[in-house]
Amino acid sequence: MEDDMKAIIPHDHRLLVYILGCPGSGKGTLCKLLVQNYGYRHVSVGDLLRGLVDGEKSNPDVNIKDYVQQGTLVPTTVLLNILQPAVMPETLGSILIDGFPRSLDQGIASEDQASD
């Protein structure tokens, strides 16, 4: 199967693969398997946001902690600004994005940004 995947996805192309599902549906497990078996890079939006909340990284423009504590969606423009550096590698390669988009608006905005 690995050879089949390599034949389908040329090495000079980059894929952004969005992993969607309910909590506990196995998104993280699937990502681990794809990373181990096919060399994808895994970007977890939840991990990025928790890193901001825990103070590992700073974002002076917005207080992510307020959104997380209130259980509301972080605004799409803010999420895209947080996500963009994580998916802009120096080298080509396929990237798994786990936990995004969470709404149709986020999906459309992400598609618009990716096509720029």
Protein backbone atom coordinates (compact mmCIF):
# COMPACT_ATOMS: atom_id res chain seq x y z
CA MET A 1 0.00 0.00 0.00
CA GLU A 2 2.87 2.38 0.74
CA ASP A 3 4.10 2.08 -2.85
CA ASP A 4 0.58 2.85 -4.06
CA MET A 5 0.51 6.04 -1.97
CA LYS A 6 3.92 7.12 -3.27
CA ALA A 7 2.73 6.60 -6.83
CA ILE A 8 -0.39 8.67 -6.23
CA ILE A 9 1.33 11.58 -4.48
CA PRO A 10 4.39 12.89 -6.34
CA HIS A 11 7.26 14.03 -4.10
CA ASP A 12 7.27 17.50 -5.65
CA HIS A 13 3.69 18.17 -4.58
CA ARG A 14 2.38 19.31 -1.26
CA LEU A 15 -0.96 18.26 0.16
CA LEU A 16 -2.88 19.87 2.97
CA VAL A 17 -5.12 17.19 4.43
CA TYR A 18 -7.81 18.21 6.89
CA ILE A 19 -8.63 15.52 9.46
CA LEU A 20 -12.18 16.00 10.71
CA GLY A 21 -14.25 14.12 13.23
CA CYS A 22 -16.01 14.22 16.57
CA PRO A 23 -14.00 14.15 19.81
CA GLY A 24 -12.75 10.62 20.42
CA SER A 25 -13.27 9.53 16.81
CA GLY A 26 -9.61 8.63 16.29
CA LYS A 27 -8.28 11.72 14.52
CA GLY A 28 -5.07 11.70 16.55
CA THR A 29 -4.56 7.98 16.05
CA LEU A 30 -5.05 8.31 12.30
CA CYS A 31 -2.58 11.20 12.20
CA LYS A 32 0.04 9.19 14.12
CA LEU A 33 -0.28 6.33 11.64
CA LEU A 34 0.00 8.62 8.63
CA VAL A 35 3.05 10.34 10.15
CA GLN A 36 4.74 7.00 10.91
CA ASN A 37 3.92 5.25 7.66
CA TYR A 38 3.97 8.04 5.08
CA GLY A 39 6.02 10.87 6.55
CA TYR A 40 3.26 13.44 6.82
CA ARG A 41 3.70 16.36 9.20
CA HIS A 42 0.94 16.66 11.82
CA VAL A 43 -0.34 20.06 12.90
CA SER A 44 -2.92 20.01 15.69
CA VAL A 45 -4.86 23.26 15.98
CA GLY A 46 -5.86 22.28 19.52
CA ASP A 47 -2.19 21.88 20.49
CA LEU A 48 -1.35 25.24 18.93
CA LEU A 49 -4.15 26.94 20.89
CA ARG A 50 -3.21 25.19 24.15
CA GLY A 51 0.37 26.36 23.62
CA LEU A 52 -0.87 29.94 23.38
CA VAL A 53 -3.12 29.57 26.44
CA ASP A 54 -0.32 27.99 28.48
CA GLY A 55 2.02 30.81 27.51
CA GLU A 56 4.45 28.74 25.45
CA LYS A 57 3.93 31.19 22.63
CA SER A 58 2.50 34.67 22.68
CA ASN A 59 0.04 36.45 20.47
CA PRO A 60 -0.27 40.09 21.49
CA ASP A 61 -3.21 40.70 19.15
CA VAL A 62 -5.74 38.49 20.85
CA ASN A 63 -6.24 36.68 24.13
CA ILE A 64 -6.88 33.09 23.06
CA LYS A 65 -7.50 32.10 26.67
CA ASP A 66 -10.80 34.03 26.72
CA TYR A 67 -12.18 32.07 23.77
CA VAL A 68 -11.00 28.73 25.12
CA GLN A 69 -12.41 29.36 28.61
CA GLN A 70 -15.76 30.49 27.19
CA GLY A 71 -15.89 27.50 24.85
CA THR A 72 -16.42 29.70 21.81
CA LEU A 73 -14.76 29.39 18.44
CA VAL A 74 -11.65 31.47 17.95
CA PRO A 75 -12.31 33.94 15.10
CA THR A 76 -11.35 32.56 11.70
CA THR A 77 -8.87 35.34 10.90
CA VAL A 78 -7.07 34.75 14.20
CA LEU A 79 -6.94 30.98 13.62
CA LEU A 80 -5.58 31.41 10.11
CA ASN A 81 -2.85 33.73 11.43
CA ILE A 82 -1.92 31.12 14.06
CA LEU A 83 -2.06 28.24 11.60
CA GLN A 84 -0.20 29.85 8.71
CA PRO A 85 3.35 29.65 10.14
CA ALA A 86 2.78 26.02 11.14
CA VAL A 87 1.89 24.97 7.59
CA MET A 88 4.48 27.01 5.71
CA PRO A 89 7.50 24.71 5.71
CA GLU A 90 10.76 25.37 3.89
CA THR A 91 10.44 22.04 2.10
CA LEU A 92 7.66 20.36 0.22
CA GLY A 93 5.69 17.73 2.03
CA SER A 94 2.20 16.73 2.97
CA ILE A 95 0.66 18.16 6.11
CA LEU A 96 -2.20 16.84 8.23
CA ILE A 97 -4.27 19.56 9.87
CA ASP A 98 -6.18 18.18 12.83
CA GLY A 99 -9.08 20.12 14.37
CA PHE A 100 -9.63 22.67 11.62
CA PRO A 101 -11.88 23.79 10.03
CA ARG A 102 -14.69 23.64 12.55
CA SER A 103 -17.20 25.62 10.51
CA LEU A 104 -18.05 26.18 6.86
CA ASP A 105 -16.77 29.76 7.07
CA GLN A 106 -13.41 28.52 8.36
CA GLY A 107 -13.20 26.00 5.52
CA ILE A 108 -13.93 28.62 2.87
CA ALA A 109 -11.46 31.10 4.38
CA SER A 110 -8.78 28.41 4.58
CA GLU A 111 -9.34 27.44 0.96
CA ASP A 112 -9.12 31.09 -0.11
CA GLN A 113 -5.86 31.57 1.80
CA ALA A 114 -4.34 28.34 0.46
CA SER A 115 -5.06 29.36 -3.12
CA ASP A 116 -3.26 32.72 -2.73
